[in-house]
């Protein structure tokens, strides 16, 4: 049963004026600070460029009743229910604790399976290219086995290649795994991973930061990386080219103050990885023991607030 506060937050997220929506991360941050009532009155108490940009959109959208947005929200909730999915918002105690601590948190998640606050607080993202080599797949499996044995939950993005290897290995060894997807919770991309997604939902959790009806798009997968990183203590990158989404996730993780762990083989091959290590934004690792040692130390404080604000399509 959805609460009034949850409904109002979702309704704010559904506001759209001339193709523009209010920055969802801004809404989430404001709600967390206890400013939901102010938002519903057209007031943004955050003093930031994102807030200045969002204010006219919010006020224009609120010229009609906020309850006018409820029809769309209810449609999405019915789709989620039909798919066997549940809702958690930034207002709720069961919202993932690691995500709660980042600047670019999503205001809500739809999920299939079960959230586990204690286990998921120990999540580590194991990520890499879709076009993985056999050696890369082998390394991903080994890293997953060792991290899982050490008690970490394995998070990844359900993509082909390294992500799939991480999820399947976690399941093979009965480790908990979290799949953060780049579509609405009613869909699966790539389609061939639908059975894998169902198994993860049965034994772990599949989460989406998008409306349940949202189809995959060029913008959804980069945004998925923000949540995969934010829900984790750190990201281990196995293989990734200079144009890979895993490289983007490594950058995002540094901005979120998360650990970024790059395999020596990656650092030796990819200039971007060497640059991150040389600049102190990432740690080169040779084995799981080094990864575990790093992950069990406090993460860095982000050097500056995130400048890339997230906006989300409601199509």
Protein backbone atom coordinates (compact mmCIF):
# COMPACT_ATOMS: atom_id res chain seq x y z
CA UNK A 1 0.00 0.00 0.00
CA UNK A 2 1.54 3.30 -1.08
CA UNK A 3 1.62 6.10 1.46
CA UNK A 4 0.56 9.67 0.86
CA UNK A 5 4.17 10.88 1.10
CA UNK A 6 5.34 8.29 -1.42
CA UNK A 7 2.55 9.27 -3.79
CA UNK A 8 3.39 12.97 -3.55
CA UNK A 9 7.07 12.28 -4.22
CA UNK A 10 6.23 10.16 -7.27
CA UNK A 11 3.80 12.81 -8.47
CA UNK A 12 6.54 15.45 -8.28
CA UNK A 13 8.75 13.15 -10.35
CA UNK A 14 6.05 12.85 -13.00
CA UNK A 15 5.74 16.63 -13.57
CA UNK A 16 6.74 17.49 -17.10
CA UNK A 17 6.66 20.95 -18.67
CA UNK A 18 7.50 21.40 -22.36
CA UNK A 19 9.45 18.17 -22.37
CA UNK A 20 11.36 18.97 -19.17
CA UNK A 21 11.10 17.40 -15.75
CA UNK A 22 12.40 18.50 -12.37
CA UNK A 23 15.81 17.03 -11.53
CA UNK A 24 14.96 13.80 -9.76
CA UNK A 25 18.08 13.78 -7.60
CA UNK A 26 17.17 17.26 -6.40
CA UNK A 27 13.72 15.99 -5.43
CA UNK A 28 15.26 13.04 -3.59
CA UNK A 29 17.73 15.20 -1.68
CA UNK A 30 15.05 17.70 -0.73
CA UNK A 31 12.69 14.96 0.44
CA UNK A 32 15.45 13.41 2.55
CA UNK A 33 16.01 16.77 4.22
CA UNK A 34 12.35 16.94 5.20
CA UNK A 35 11.33 19.43 2.51
CA UNK A 36 8.61 17.42 0.75
CA UNK A 37 5.88 19.83 1.85
CA UNK A 38 7.91 22.77 0.54
CA UNK A 39 8.37 21.07 -2.82
CA UNK A 40 4.63 20.52 -3.07
CA UNK A 41 4.19 24.25 -2.42
CA UNK A 42 6.62 25.13 -5.22
CA UNK A 43 9.52 25.97 -2.90
CA UNK A 44 13.02 24.52 -3.30
CA UNK A 45 15.17 25.11 -0.24
CA UNK A 46 18.39 23.89 -1.80
CA UNK A 47 20.65 26.66 -3.07
CA UNK A 48 22.34 25.20 -6.16
CA UNK A 49 22.41 25.65 -9.95
CA UNK A 50 20.19 22.57 -10.22
CA UNK A 51 17.62 24.18 -7.91
CA UNK A 52 17.60 27.42 -9.89
CA UNK A 53 17.04 25.47 -13.10
CA UNK A 54 14.32 23.32 -11.59
CA UNK A 55 12.29 26.02 -9.85
CA UNK A 56 10.42 27.42 -12.89
CA UNK A 57 9.61 23.88 -14.08
CA UNK A 58 8.28 22.93 -10.66
CA UNK A 59 6.15 26.05 -10.31
CA UNK A 60 4.73 25.78 -13.80
CA UNK A 61 3.90 22.12 -13.19
CA UNK A 62 2.16 22.96 -9.94
CA UNK A 63 -0.19 25.45 -11.56
CA UNK A 64 -2.52 22.50 -11.80
CA UNK A 65 -3.16 20.28 -8.78
CA UNK A 66 -0.42 17.85 -7.86
CA UNK A 67 -3.12 15.21 -7.60
CA UNK A 68 -3.58 15.54 -11.37
CA UNK A 69 -0.33 13.57 -11.67
CA UNK A 70 -1.72 10.68 -9.64
CA UNK A 71 -3.37 9.00 -12.64
CA UNK A 72 -0.02 8.52 -14.37
CA UNK A 73 1.63 7.34 -11.17
CA UNK A 74 -1.15 4.85 -10.49
CA UNK A 75 -0.76 3.44 -14.00
CA UNK A 76 2.92 2.82 -13.34
CA UNK A 77 2.20 1.28 -9.96
CA UNK A 78 -0.24 -1.15 -11.56
CA UNK A 79 2.40 -2.18 -14.11
CA UNK A 80 4.87 -2.78 -11.29
CA UNK A 81 2.35 -4.82 -9.33
CA UNK A 82 1.56 -6.92 -12.39
CA UNK A 83 5.28 -7.67 -12.76
CA UNK A 84 5.53 -8.67 -9.10
CA UNK A 85 7.62 -5.59 -8.26
CA UNK A 86 7.62 -3.46 -5.13
CA UNK A 87 8.44 0.18 -4.47
CA UNK A 88 10.88 1.85 -2.11
CA UNK A 89 11.50 5.59 -1.95
CA UNK A 90 14.18 7.77 -0.42
CA UNK A 91 11.65 8.50 2.34
CA UNK A 92 11.61 4.88 3.48
CA UNK A 93 13.87 3.19 6.05
CA UNK A 94 14.37 0.21 3.72
CA UNK A 95 15.91 2.40 1.00
CA UNK A 96 19.49 1.15 0.36
CA UNK A 97 21.77 2.80 2.89
CA UNK A 98 24.69 3.29 0.51
CA UNK A 99 22.50 5.09 -2.02
CA UNK A 100 21.13 7.34 0.70
CA UNK A 101 24.61 8.78 1.15
CA UNK A 102 25.27 10.00 -2.41
CA UNK A 103 24.36 13.32 -3.95
CA UNK A 104 22.86 11.80 -7.10
CA UNK A 105 20.48 9.34 -5.44
CA UNK A 106 17.26 8.35 -7.23
CA UNK A 107 14.02 9.31 -5.46
CA UNK A 108 12.60 5.81 -5.85
CA UNK A 109 13.42 2.26 -6.87
CA UNK A 110 11.14 -0.44 -8.18
CA UNK A 111 12.47 -3.87 -7.38
CA UNK A 112 11.81 -7.57 -7.80
CA UNK A 113 13.05 -9.84 -5.06
CA UNK A 114 13.95 -8.67 -1.60
CA UNK A 115 16.05 -5.84 -0.26
CA UNK A 116 18.40 -6.84 2.55
CA UNK A 117 19.70 -3.77 4.33
CA UNK A 118 22.55 -5.54 6.12
CA UNK A 119 23.81 -7.61 3.16
CA UNK A 120 23.32 -4.87 0.58
CA UNK A 121 25.31 -2.41 2.67
CA UNK A 122 28.27 -4.69 1.86
CA UNK A 123 27.74 -4.61 -1.91
CA UNK A 124 30.65 -4.41 -4.32
CA UNK A 125 30.12 -3.72 -8.02
CA UNK A 126 31.95 -6.05 -10.40
CA UNK A 127 31.69 -4.49 -13.85
CA UNK A 128 33.28 -4.34 -17.26
CA UNK A 129 32.80 -4.43 -20.98
CA UNK A 130 30.01 -6.20 -22.83
CA UNK A 131 32.60 -7.42 -25.35
CA UNK A 132 34.61 -9.35 -22.79
CA UNK A 133 37.48 -11.66 -23.67
CA UNK A 134 37.66 -15.21 -22.34
CA UNK A 135 40.43 -14.07 -20.02
CA UNK A 136 38.25 -11.20 -18.81
CA UNK A 137 35.34 -13.54 -18.12
CA UNK A 138 37.66 -15.84 -16.17
CA UNK A 139 38.95 -12.92 -14.12
CA UNK A 140 35.42 -11.70 -13.40
CA UNK A 141 34.43 -15.13 -12.15
CA UNK A 142 37.49 -15.38 -9.92
CA UNK A 143 36.98 -11.89 -8.45
CA UNK A 144 33.31 -12.65 -7.79
CA UNK A 145 34.13 -15.94 -6.07
CA UNK A 146 36.72 -14.36 -3.80
CA UNK A 147 34.62 -11.32 -2.90
CA UNK A 148 31.56 -13.47 -2.29
CA UNK A 149 33.52 -15.80 -0.03
CA UNK A 150 34.64 -12.74 1.93
CA UNK A 151 31.00 -11.86 2.61
CA UNK A 152 30.38 -9.17 0.02
CA UNK A 153 27.19 -8.90 -2.02
CA UNK A 154 27.93 -8.78 -5.76
CA UNK A 155 26.31 -5.90 -7.63
CA UNK A 156 26.38 -5.46 -11.39
CA UNK A 157 24.32 -4.18 -14.30
CA UNK A 158 22.90 -7.34 -15.96
CA UNK A 159 24.65 -6.47 -19.24
CA UNK A 160 26.33 -8.99 -21.50
CA UNK A 161 29.92 -9.94 -20.83
CA UNK A 162 31.50 -9.12 -17.47
CA UNK A 163 28.20 -8.25 -15.74
CA UNK A 164 26.62 -11.56 -16.73
CA UNK A 165 29.70 -13.46 -15.56
CA UNK A 166 29.56 -11.72 -12.19
CA UNK A 167 25.85 -12.43 -11.63
CA UNK A 168 25.96 -16.05 -12.78
CA UNK A 169 29.03 -16.82 -10.69
CA UNK A 170 27.42 -15.30 -7.61
CA UNK A 171 24.36 -17.47 -8.14
CA UNK A 172 26.47 -20.57 -8.81
CA UNK A 173 28.13 -20.14 -5.41
CA UNK A 174 24.93 -19.06 -3.61
CA UNK A 175 26.22 -15.53 -2.99
CA UNK A 176 23.77 -12.65 -2.87
CA UNK A 177 23.69 -10.53 -6.02
CA UNK A 178 22.02 -7.24 -6.93
CA UNK A 179 21.20 -6.44 -10.55
CA UNK A 180 20.76 -2.75 -11.34
CA UNK A 181 19.01 -2.53 -14.69
CA UNK A 182 18.85 0.19 -17.32
CA UNK A 183 15.14 -0.21 -18.08
CA UNK A 184 11.86 -0.17 -16.24
CA UNK A 185 11.31 -3.13 -13.91
CA UNK A 186 8.78 -4.65 -16.33
CA UNK A 187 11.42 -5.04 -19.03
CA UNK A 188 14.78 -6.76 -19.48
CA UNK A 189 17.77 -5.79 -21.57
CA UNK A 190 19.40 -7.75 -23.07
CA UNK A 191 16.43 -10.02 -23.64
CA UNK A 192 18.56 -13.14 -23.40
CA UNK A 193 19.17 -12.32 -19.74
CA UNK A 194 15.48 -12.51 -18.82
CA UNK A 195 15.88 -15.94 -17.22
CA UNK A 196 18.95 -14.71 -15.35
CA UNK A 197 17.00 -11.68 -14.12
CA UNK A 198 14.21 -13.94 -12.85
CA UNK A 199 16.71 -16.09 -10.97
CA UNK A 200 18.35 -13.03 -9.42
CA UNK A 201 14.91 -11.79 -8.34
CA UNK A 202 14.22 -15.16 -6.74
CA UNK A 203 17.50 -15.30 -4.81
CA UNK A 204 18.61 -11.67 -4.61
CA UNK A 205 17.13 -8.47 -6.01
CA UNK A 206 16.69 -6.69 -9.34
CA UNK A 207 16.32 -2.91 -9.02
CA UNK A 208 15.35 -0.12 -11.40
CA UNK A 209 15.39 3.64 -10.88
CA UNK A 210 12.99 4.23 -13.79
CA UNK A 211 9.25 4.15 -14.27
CA UNK A 212 8.13 0.54 -14.79
CA UNK A 213 7.10 1.25 -18.39
CA UNK A 214 10.47 2.76 -19.35
CA UNK A 215 12.12 1.12 -22.35
CA UNK A 216 15.91 0.97 -22.75
CA UNK A 217 17.44 4.11 -24.24
CA UNK A 218 20.78 5.76 -24.84
CA UNK A 219 20.35 7.72 -21.62
CA UNK A 220 19.18 4.93 -19.33
CA UNK A 221 22.38 2.90 -19.13
CA UNK A 222 24.69 5.76 -18.12
CA UNK A 223 22.16 6.64 -15.42
CA UNK A 224 22.07 3.02 -14.33
CA UNK A 225 25.83 3.33 -13.68
CA UNK A 226 25.18 6.02 -11.06
CA UNK A 227 23.02 3.64 -9.05
CA UNK A 228 25.26 0.59 -9.54
CA UNK A 229 28.14 2.63 -8.16
CA UNK A 230 26.15 4.39 -5.45
CA UNK A 231 24.60 1.21 -4.08
CA UNK A 232 28.09 -0.27 -3.62
CA UNK A 233 31.07 0.33 -1.37
CA UNK A 234 33.26 0.33 -4.45
CA UNK A 235 33.55 -0.73 -8.07
CA UNK A 236 35.95 -3.35 -9.38
CA UNK A 237 36.54 -2.87 -13.10
CA UNK A 238 37.70 -6.03 -14.88
CA UNK A 239 37.94 -5.02 -18.54
CA UNK A 240 36.90 -1.72 -20.12
CA UNK A 241 37.88 0.32 -23.13
CA UNK A 242 38.06 4.08 -23.22
CA UNK A 243 34.44 4.23 -24.40
CA UNK A 244 33.03 1.61 -22.05
CA UNK A 245 30.25 2.30 -19.59
CA UNK A 246 32.47 0.71 -16.94
CA UNK A 247 34.98 3.52 -17.44
CA UNK A 248 32.13 5.97 -16.86
CA UNK A 249 31.16 4.10 -13.70
CA UNK A 250 34.74 4.36 -12.43
CA UNK A 251 34.58 8.13 -12.87
CA UNK A 252 31.18 8.33 -11.19
CA UNK A 253 32.43 6.22 -8.29
CA UNK A 254 35.26 8.67 -7.62
CA UNK A 255 32.77 11.56 -7.60
CA UNK A 256 30.58 9.65 -5.16
CA UNK A 257 33.53 8.98 -2.87
CA UNK A 258 33.50 5.25 -3.55
CA UNK A 259 36.47 2.92 -3.92
CA UNK A 260 37.60 2.36 -7.50
CA UNK A 261 39.64 -0.82 -7.90
CA UNK A 262 41.27 -1.51 -11.27
CA UNK A 263 42.95 -4.79 -12.13
CA UNK A 264 46.64 -4.52 -12.97
CA UNK A 265 45.94 -6.07 -16.39
CA UNK A 266 43.48 -3.25 -17.12
CA UNK A 267 45.85 -0.53 -15.93
CA UNK A 268 48.67 -1.90 -18.09
CA UNK A 269 46.47 -1.95 -21.18
CA UNK A 270 44.21 1.10 -20.91
CA UNK A 271 45.57 4.69 -20.70
CA UNK A 272 42.44 5.93 -18.93
CA UNK A 273 42.96 3.37 -16.15
CA UNK A 274 46.62 4.28 -15.73
CA UNK A 275 45.66 7.95 -15.54
CA UNK A 276 43.13 7.27 -12.79
CA UNK A 277 45.67 5.33 -10.75
CA UNK A 278 48.43 7.89 -11.27
CA UNK A 279 46.10 10.70 -10.17
CA UNK A 280 45.14 8.84 -7.00
CA UNK A 281 41.49 8.48 -7.98
CA UNK A 282 41.72 4.69 -8.29
CA UNK A 283 43.70 1.83 -6.78
CA UNK A 284 45.52 -0.76 -8.83
CA UNK A 285 44.96 -4.26 -7.46
CA UNK A 286 46.61 -7.59 -8.18
CA UNK A 287 44.38 -9.94 -6.24
CA UNK A 288 41.23 -10.25 -4.17
CA UNK A 289 43.17 -9.82 -0.92
CA UNK A 290 44.10 -6.27 -1.95
CA UNK A 291 40.51 -5.58 -2.99
CA UNK A 292 39.14 -6.76 0.33
CA UNK A 293 41.69 -4.72 2.26
CA UNK A 294 40.71 -1.58 0.33
CA UNK A 295 36.97 -2.20 0.65
CA UNK A 296 37.25 -2.59 4.40
CA UNK A 297 38.80 0.84 4.80
CA UNK A 298 36.66 4.00 4.81
CA UNK A 299 35.90 5.39 1.39
CA UNK A 300 37.12 8.82 0.41
CA UNK A 301 35.01 11.92 0.80
CA UNK A 302 34.03 13.23 -2.65
CA UNK A 303 36.38 16.08 -3.60
CA UNK A 304 33.47 18.25 -4.75
CA UNK A 305 29.70 18.02 -5.27
CA UNK A 306 28.59 16.19 -8.36
CA UNK A 307 28.11 18.61 -11.21
CA UNK A 308 26.23 16.26 -13.51
CA UNK A 309 22.64 16.35 -12.34
CA UNK A 310 20.34 13.53 -13.36
CA UNK A 311 17.10 14.15 -15.18
CA UNK A 312 14.85 11.32 -16.23
CA UNK A 313 12.47 10.79 -19.08
CA UNK A 314 8.93 9.85 -18.19
CA UNK A 315 8.14 8.47 -21.61
